[in-house]
PDB file of N, CA and C in Angstrom:
ATOM      1  N   MET A   1     -28.693   2.160  10.578  1.00  0.00           N
ATOM      2  CA  MET A   1     -28.434   2.843   9.323  1.00  0.00           C
ATOM      3  C   MET A   1     -28.933   1.954   8.175  1.00  0.00           C
ATOM      4  N   ALA A   2     -29.853   2.456   7.395  1.00  0.00           N
ATOM      5  CA  ALA A   2     -30.396   1.696   6.264  1.00  0.00           C
ATOM      6  C   ALA A   2     -29.376   1.684   5.130  1.00  0.00           C
ATOM      7  N   VAL A   3     -29.077   0.493   4.618  1.00  0.00           N
ATOM      8  CA  VAL A   3     -28.081   0.368   3.561  1.00  0.00           C
ATOM      9  C   VAL A   3     -28.726  -0.126   2.265  1.00  0.00           C
ATOM     10  N   ASP A   4     -28.059   0.174   1.153  1.00  0.00           N
ATOM     11  CA  ASP A   4     -28.528  -0.256  -0.159  1.00  0.00           C
ATOM     12  C   ASP A   4     -27.870  -1.559  -0.604  1.00  0.00           C
ATOM     13  N   GLY A   5     -26.808  -1.955   0.099  1.00  0.00           N
ATOM     14  CA  GLY A   5     -26.111  -3.185  -0.238  1.00  0.00           C
ATOM     15  C   GLY A   5     -25.144  -3.569   0.860  1.00  0.00           C
ATOM     16  N   VAL A   6     -24.780  -4.852   0.893  1.00  0.00           N
ATOM     17  CA  VAL A   6     -23.820  -5.364   1.873  1.00  0.00           C
ATOM     18  C   VAL A   6     -22.776  -6.173   1.132  1.00  0.00           C
ATOM     19  N   LEU A   7     -21.523  -5.919   1.450  1.00  0.00           N
ATOM     20  CA  LEU A   7     -20.407  -6.702   0.929  1.00  0.00           C
ATOM     21  C   LEU A   7     -19.790  -7.452   2.098  1.00  0.00           C
ATOM     22  N   ASP A   8     -19.892  -8.775   2.085  1.00  0.00           N
ATOM     23  CA  ASP A   8     -19.292  -9.598   3.129  1.00  0.00           C
ATOM     24  C   ASP A   8     -17.964 -10.134   2.603  1.00  0.00           C
ATOM     25  N   ALA A   9     -16.876  -9.527   3.060  1.00  0.00           N
ATOM     26  CA  ALA A   9     -15.537  -9.919   2.627  1.00  0.00           C
ATOM     27  C   ALA A   9     -14.796 -10.656   3.740  1.00  0.00           C
ATOM     28  N   THR A  10     -15.535 -11.258   4.664  1.00  0.00           N
ATOM     29  CA  THR A  10     -14.888 -11.980   5.759  1.00  0.00           C
ATOM     30  C   THR A  10     -14.083 -13.148   5.209  1.00  0.00           C
ATOM     31  N   GLY A  11     -12.899 -13.329   5.769  1.00  0.00           N
ATOM     32  CA  GLY A  11     -12.025 -14.416   5.362  1.00  0.00           C
ATOM     33  C   GLY A  11     -11.180 -14.111   4.141  1.00  0.00           C
ATOM     34  N   LEU A  12     -11.405 -12.979   3.493  1.00  0.00           N
ATOM     35  CA  LEU A  12     -10.623 -12.618   2.300  1.00  0.00           C
ATOM     36  C   LEU A  12      -9.471 -11.693   2.686  1.00  0.00           C
ATOM     37  N   ASN A  13      -8.359 -11.842   1.979  1.00  0.00           N
ATOM     38  CA  ASN A  13      -7.182 -11.022   2.250  1.00  0.00           C
ATOM     39  C   ASN A  13      -6.886 -10.105   1.085  1.00  0.00           C
ATOM     40  N   CYS A  14      -6.125  -9.059   1.376  1.00  0.00           N
ATOM     41  CA  CYS A  14      -5.710  -8.061   0.398  1.00  0.00           C
ATOM     42  C   CYS A  14      -5.148  -8.765  -0.837  1.00  0.00           C
ATOM     43  N   PRO A  15      -5.553  -8.375  -2.021  1.00  0.00           N
ATOM     44  CA  PRO A  15      -6.349  -7.203  -2.400  1.00  0.00           C
ATOM     45  C   PRO A  15      -7.829  -7.519  -2.633  1.00  0.00           C
ATOM     46  N   GLU A  16      -8.287  -8.733  -2.328  1.00  0.00           N
ATOM     47  CA  GLU A  16      -9.651  -9.143  -2.670  1.00  0.00           C
ATOM     48  C   GLU A  16     -10.746  -8.241  -2.117  1.00  0.00           C
ATOM     49  N   PRO A  17     -10.710  -7.843  -0.821  1.00  0.00           N
ATOM     50  CA  PRO A  17     -11.807  -6.990  -0.326  1.00  0.00           C
ATOM     51  C   PRO A  17     -11.977  -5.695  -1.125  1.00  0.00           C
ATOM     52  N   VAL A  18     -10.876  -5.039  -1.475  1.00  0.00           N
ATOM     53  CA  VAL A  18     -10.976  -3.772  -2.209  1.00  0.00           C
ATOM     54  C   VAL A  18     -11.400  -4.020  -3.653  1.00  0.00           C
ATOM     55  N   MET A  19     -10.955  -5.114  -4.246  1.00  0.00           N
ATOM     56  CA  MET A  19     -11.387  -5.440  -5.605  1.00  0.00           C
ATOM     57  C   MET A  19     -12.898  -5.686  -5.636  1.00  0.00           C
ATOM     58  N   MET A  20     -13.402  -6.409  -4.644  1.00  0.00           N
ATOM     59  CA  MET A  20     -14.841  -6.663  -4.550  1.00  0.00           C
ATOM     60  C   MET A  20     -15.597  -5.370  -4.252  1.00  0.00           C
ATOM     61  N   LEU A  21     -15.010  -4.534  -3.405  1.00  0.00           N
ATOM     62  CA  LEU A  21     -15.622  -3.252  -3.057  1.00  0.00           C
ATOM     63  C   LEU A  21     -15.809  -2.399  -4.311  1.00  0.00           C
ATOM     64  N   HIS A  22     -14.815  -2.381  -5.157  1.00  0.00           N
ATOM     65  CA  HIS A  22     -14.892  -1.586  -6.387  1.00  0.00           C
ATOM     66  C   HIS A  22     -16.102  -2.017  -7.219  1.00  0.00           C
ATOM     67  N   GLN A  23     -16.316  -3.312  -7.360  1.00  0.00           N
ATOM     68  CA  GLN A  23     -17.447  -3.818  -8.144  1.00  0.00           C
ATOM     69  C   GLN A  23     -18.779  -3.495  -7.464  1.00  0.00           C
ATOM     70  N   HIS A  24     -18.853  -3.673  -6.144  1.00  0.00           N
ATOM     71  CA  HIS A  24     -20.107  -3.419  -5.421  1.00  0.00           C
ATOM     72  C   HIS A  24     -20.489  -1.937  -5.475  1.00  0.00           C
ATOM     73  N   VAL A  25     -19.506  -1.056  -5.330  1.00  0.00           N
ATOM     74  CA  VAL A  25     -19.793   0.387  -5.392  1.00  0.00           C
ATOM     75  C   VAL A  25     -20.287   0.751  -6.789  1.00  0.00           C
ATOM     76  N   ARG A  26     -19.696   0.158  -7.805  1.00  0.00           N
ATOM     77  CA  ARG A  26     -20.105   0.433  -9.189  1.00  0.00           C
ATOM     78  C   ARG A  26     -21.575   0.086  -9.396  1.00  0.00           C
ATOM     79  N   ASP A  27     -22.054  -0.968  -8.748  1.00  0.00           N
ATOM     80  CA  ASP A  27     -23.439  -1.412  -8.904  1.00  0.00           C
ATOM     81  C   ASP A  27     -24.444  -0.598  -8.098  1.00  0.00           C
ATOM     82  N   LEU A  28     -23.973   0.233  -7.163  1.00  0.00           N
ATOM     83  CA  LEU A  28     -24.862   1.044  -6.325  1.00  0.00           C
ATOM     84  C   LEU A  28     -25.392   2.243  -7.107  1.00  0.00           C
ATOM     85  N   PRO A  29     -26.582   2.719  -6.748  1.00  0.00           N
ATOM     86  CA  PRO A  29     -27.037   3.995  -7.319  1.00  0.00           C
ATOM     87  C   PRO A  29     -26.220   5.137  -6.704  1.00  0.00           C
ATOM     88  N   ALA A  30     -26.162   6.273  -7.394  1.00  0.00           N
ATOM     89  CA  ALA A  30     -25.470   7.448  -6.858  1.00  0.00           C
ATOM     90  C   ALA A  30     -26.068   7.801  -5.501  1.00  0.00           C
ATOM     91  N   GLY A  31     -25.213   8.030  -4.519  1.00  0.00           N
ATOM     92  CA  GLY A  31     -25.671   8.349  -3.168  1.00  0.00           C
ATOM     93  C   GLY A  31     -26.032   7.124  -2.351  1.00  0.00           C
ATOM     94  N   GLY A  32     -25.903   5.931  -2.934  1.00  0.00           N
ATOM     95  CA  GLY A  32     -26.238   4.692  -2.226  1.00  0.00           C
ATOM     96  C   GLY A  32     -25.250   4.397  -1.111  1.00  0.00           C
ATOM     97  N   LEU A  33     -25.722   3.660  -0.107  1.00  0.00           N
ATOM     98  CA  LEU A  33     -24.902   3.335   1.054  1.00  0.00           C
ATOM     99  C   LEU A  33     -24.593   1.841   1.064  1.00  0.00           C
ATOM    100  N   LEU A  34     -23.311   1.514   1.167  1.00  0.00           N
ATOM    101  CA  LEU A  34     -22.846   0.133   1.181  1.00  0.00           C
ATOM    102  C   LEU A  34     -22.217  -0.174   2.528  1.00  0.00           C
ATOM    103  N   LYS A  35     -22.599  -1.298   3.116  1.00  0.00           N
ATOM    104  CA  LYS A  35     -21.963  -1.775   4.342  1.00  0.00           C
ATOM    105  C   LYS A  35     -20.969  -2.853   3.951  1.00  0.00           C
ATOM    106  N   VAL A  36     -19.735  -2.736   4.461  1.00  0.00           N
ATOM    107  CA  VAL A  36     -18.685  -3.710   4.181  1.00  0.00           C
ATOM    108  C   VAL A  36     -18.300  -4.390   5.491  1.00  0.00           C
ATOM    109  N   ILE A  37     -18.234  -5.717   5.449  1.00  0.00           N
ATOM    110  CA  ILE A  37     -17.813  -6.520   6.599  1.00  0.00           C
ATOM    111  C   ILE A  37     -16.524  -7.211   6.182  1.00  0.00           C
ATOM    112  N   ALA A  38     -15.451  -7.008   6.946  1.00  0.00           N
ATOM    113  CA  ALA A  38     -14.159  -7.583   6.583  1.00  0.00           C
ATOM    114  C   ALA A  38     -13.429  -8.090   7.826  1.00  0.00           C
ATOM    115  N   THR A  39     -12.475  -8.980   7.598  1.00  0.00           N
ATOM    116  CA  THR A  39     -11.642  -9.486   8.693  1.00  0.00           C
ATOM    117  C   THR A  39     -10.162  -9.210   8.453  1.00  0.00           C
ATOM    118  N   ASP A  40      -9.814  -8.677   7.295  1.00  0.00           N
ATOM    119  CA  ASP A  40      -8.422  -8.378   6.966  1.00  0.00           C
ATOM    120  C   ASP A  40      -8.044  -7.018   7.556  1.00  0.00           C
ATOM    121  N   PRO A  41      -7.057  -6.986   8.476  1.00  0.00           N
ATOM    122  CA  PRO A  41      -6.664  -5.700   9.083  1.00  0.00           C
ATOM    123  C   PRO A  41      -6.187  -4.666   8.072  1.00  0.00           C
ATOM    124  N   SER A  42      -5.711  -5.087   6.915  1.00  0.00           N
ATOM    125  CA  SER A  42      -5.232  -4.109   5.926  1.00  0.00           C
ATOM    126  C   SER A  42      -6.375  -3.249   5.386  1.00  0.00           C
ATOM    127  N   THR A  43      -7.628  -3.675   5.574  1.00  0.00           N
ATOM    128  CA  THR A  43      -8.754  -2.849   5.123  1.00  0.00           C
ATOM    129  C   THR A  43      -8.816  -1.532   5.893  1.00  0.00           C
ATOM    130  N   LYS A  44      -8.240  -1.494   7.107  1.00  0.00           N
ATOM    131  CA  LYS A  44      -8.223  -0.238   7.877  1.00  0.00           C
ATOM    132  C   LYS A  44      -7.454   0.841   7.124  1.00  0.00           C
ATOM    133  N   ARG A  45      -6.485   0.438   6.334  1.00  0.00           N
ATOM    134  CA  ARG A  45      -5.708   1.364   5.523  1.00  0.00           C
ATOM    135  C   ARG A  45      -6.311   1.492   4.122  1.00  0.00           C
ATOM    136  N   ASP A  46      -6.664   0.364   3.528  1.00  0.00           N
ATOM    137  CA  ASP A  46      -7.057   0.325   2.120  1.00  0.00           C
ATOM    138  C   ASP A  46      -8.414   0.960   1.831  1.00  0.00           C
ATOM    139  N   ILE A  47      -9.401   0.716   2.684  1.00  0.00           N
ATOM    140  CA  ILE A  47     -10.749   1.226   2.392  1.00  0.00           C
ATOM    141  C   ILE A  47     -10.825   2.746   2.512  1.00  0.00           C
ATOM    142  N   PRO A  48     -10.258   3.362   3.567  1.00  0.00           N
ATOM    143  CA  PRO A  48     -10.260   4.838   3.574  1.00  0.00           C
ATOM    144  C   PRO A  48      -9.534   5.432   2.362  1.00  0.00           C
ATOM    145  N   LYS A  49      -8.417   4.837   1.942  1.00  0.00           N
ATOM    146  CA  LYS A  49      -7.694   5.339   0.768  1.00  0.00           C
ATOM    147  C   LYS A  49      -8.528   5.173  -0.497  1.00  0.00           C
ATOM    148  N   PHE A  50      -9.226   4.050  -0.610  1.00  0.00           N
ATOM    149  CA  PHE A  50     -10.118   3.806  -1.743  1.00  0.00           C
ATOM    150  C   PHE A  50     -11.155   4.924  -1.833  1.00  0.00           C
ATOM    151  N   CYS A  51     -11.756   5.269  -0.694  1.00  0.00           N
ATOM    152  CA  CYS A  51     -12.800   6.305  -0.672  1.00  0.00           C
ATOM    153  C   CYS A  51     -12.245   7.668  -1.068  1.00  0.00           C
ATOM    154  N   VAL A  52     -11.096   8.030  -0.525  1.00  0.00           N
ATOM    155  CA  VAL A  52     -10.490   9.323  -0.850  1.00  0.00           C
ATOM    156  C   VAL A  52     -10.134   9.380  -2.334  1.00  0.00           C
ATOM    157  N   PHE A  53      -9.529   8.321  -2.838  1.00  0.00           N
ATOM    158  CA  PHE A  53      -9.065   8.293  -4.222  1.00  0.00           C
ATOM    159  C   PHE A  53     -10.227   8.401  -5.215  1.00  0.00           C
ATOM    160  N   LEU A  54     -11.351   7.746  -4.910  1.00  0.00           N
ATOM    161  CA  LEU A  54     -12.471   7.728  -5.846  1.00  0.00           C
ATOM    162  C   LEU A  54     -13.584   8.719  -5.493  1.00  0.00           C
ATOM    163  N   GLY A  55     -13.444   9.437  -4.378  1.00  0.00           N
ATOM    164  CA  GLY A  55     -14.397  10.481  -4.041  1.00  0.00           C
ATOM    165  C   GLY A  55     -15.655  10.017  -3.323  1.00  0.00           C
ATOM    166  N   HIS A  56     -15.635   8.793  -2.781  1.00  0.00           N
ATOM    167  CA  HIS A  56     -16.770   8.301  -2.009  1.00  0.00           C
ATOM    168  C   HIS A  56     -16.608   8.724  -0.553  1.00  0.00           C
ATOM    169  N   GLU A  57     -17.709   8.719   0.189  1.00  0.00           N
ATOM    170  CA  GLU A  57     -17.667   9.145   1.588  1.00  0.00           C
ATOM    171  C   GLU A  57     -17.624   7.932   2.505  1.00  0.00           C
ATOM    172  N   LEU A  58     -16.595   7.869   3.353  1.00  0.00           N
ATOM    173  CA  LEU A  58     -16.538   6.845   4.398  1.00  0.00           C
ATOM    174  C   LEU A  58     -17.347   7.398   5.568  1.00  0.00           C
ATOM    175  N   VAL A  59     -18.602   6.957   5.665  1.00  0.00           N
ATOM    176  CA  VAL A  59     -19.544   7.510   6.638  1.00  0.00           C
ATOM    177  C   VAL A  59     -19.155   7.097   8.051  1.00  0.00           C
ATOM    178  N   GLU A  60     -18.793   5.837   8.204  1.00  0.00           N
ATOM    179  CA  GLU A  60     -18.457   5.323   9.538  1.00  0.00           C
ATOM    180  C   GLU A  60     -17.609   4.077   9.390  1.00  0.00           C
ATOM    181  N   GLN A  61     -16.772   3.828  10.406  1.00  0.00           N
ATOM    182  CA  GLN A  61     -16.047   2.573  10.474  1.00  0.00           C
ATOM    183  C   GLN A  61     -15.975   2.134  11.926  1.00  0.00           C
ATOM    184  N   GLN A  62     -16.046   0.815  12.126  1.00  0.00           N
ATOM    185  CA  GLN A  62     -16.007   0.241  13.468  1.00  0.00           C
ATOM    186  C   GLN A  62     -15.141  -1.008  13.433  1.00  0.00           C
ATOM    187  N   GLU A  63     -14.597  -1.338  14.613  1.00  0.00           N
ATOM    188  CA  GLU A  63     -13.802  -2.555  14.737  1.00  0.00           C
ATOM    189  C   GLU A  63     -14.214  -3.245  16.020  1.00  0.00           C
ATOM    190  N   SER A  64     -14.446  -4.557  15.933  1.00  0.00           N
ATOM    191  CA  SER A  64     -14.811  -5.317  17.124  1.00  0.00           C
ATOM    192  C   SER A  64     -14.362  -6.764  16.955  1.00  0.00           C
ATOM    193  N   ALA A  65     -13.513  -7.226  17.834  1.00  0.00           N
ATOM    194  CA  ALA A  65     -13.077  -8.620  17.878  1.00  0.00           C
ATOM    195  C   ALA A  65     -12.588  -9.136  16.529  1.00  0.00           C
ATOM    196  N   GLY A  66     -11.773  -8.338  15.839  1.00  0.00           N
ATOM    197  CA  GLY A  66     -11.195  -8.779  14.576  1.00  0.00           C
ATOM    198  C   GLY A  66     -12.100  -8.647  13.368  1.00  0.00           C
ATOM    199  N   THR A  67     -13.256  -8.021  13.551  1.00  0.00           N
ATOM    200  CA  THR A  67     -14.159  -7.756  12.425  1.00  0.00           C
ATOM    201  C   THR A  67     -14.203  -6.250  12.214  1.00  0.00           C
ATOM    202  N   TYR A  68     -14.075  -5.857  10.950  1.00  0.00           N
ATOM    203  CA  TYR A  68     -14.050  -4.446  10.586  1.00  0.00           C
ATOM    204  C   TYR A  68     -15.299  -4.139   9.776  1.00  0.00           C
ATOM    205  N   LEU A  69     -16.004  -3.094  10.182  1.00  0.00           N
ATOM    206  CA  LEU A  69     -17.235  -2.680   9.514  1.00  0.00           C
ATOM    207  C   LEU A  69     -17.042  -1.277   8.936  1.00  0.00           C
ATOM    208  N   TYR A  70     -17.519  -1.093   7.716  1.00  0.00           N
ATOM    209  CA  TYR A  70     -17.412   0.194   7.027  1.00  0.00           C
ATOM    210  C   TYR A  70     -18.757   0.514   6.371  1.00  0.00           C
ATOM    211  N   TRP A  71     -19.129   1.786   6.421  1.00  0.00           N
ATOM    212  CA  TRP A  71     -20.309   2.258   5.689  1.00  0.00           C
ATOM    213  C   TRP A  71     -19.811   3.301   4.707  1.00  0.00           C
ATOM    214  N   ILE A  72     -20.027   3.035   3.434  1.00  0.00           N
ATOM    215  CA  ILE A  72     -19.506   3.879   2.363  1.00  0.00           C
ATOM    216  C   ILE A  72     -20.654   4.399   1.515  1.00  0.00           C
ATOM    217  N   ARG A  73     -20.689   5.731   1.355  1.00  0.00           N
ATOM    218  CA  ARG A  73     -21.705   6.349   0.508  1.00  0.00           C
ATOM    219  C   ARG A  73     -21.078   6.679  -0.839  1.00  0.00           C
ATOM    220  N   LYS A  74     -21.695   6.155  -1.891  1.00  0.00           N
ATOM    221  CA  LYS A  74     -21.195   6.392  -3.246  1.00  0.00           C
ATOM    222  C   LYS A  74     -21.388   7.856  -3.615  1.00  0.00           C
ATOM    223  N   LYS A  75     -20.392   8.423  -4.260  1.00  0.00           N
ATOM    224  CA  LYS A  75     -20.504   9.837  -4.662  1.00  0.00           C
ATOM    225  C   LYS A  75     -21.678  10.012  -5.626  1.00  0.00           C
ATOM    226  N   ALA A  76     -22.261  11.188  -5.529  1.00  0.00           N
ATOM    227  CA  ALA A  76     -23.458  11.481  -6.365  1.00  0.00           C
ATOM    228  C   ALA A  76     -23.066  11.707  -7.808  1.00  0.00           C
TER     229      ALA A  76
END
């Protein structure tokens, strides 16, 4: 999946990943795709809620060995 930006939030704990996500999404063009890499389990709850609240699309999410990956498409 081709992305327009990557946010590496590994090692950061709530609320830092979502605060950083807010800034990164703001910098994306409309319809842009952002990949987020995180290690905080609370992102499993926080990132989907962030997307619903702000109207962005959570395209995909994956979890492997304590690393959480998210692909978020900015609303047009």
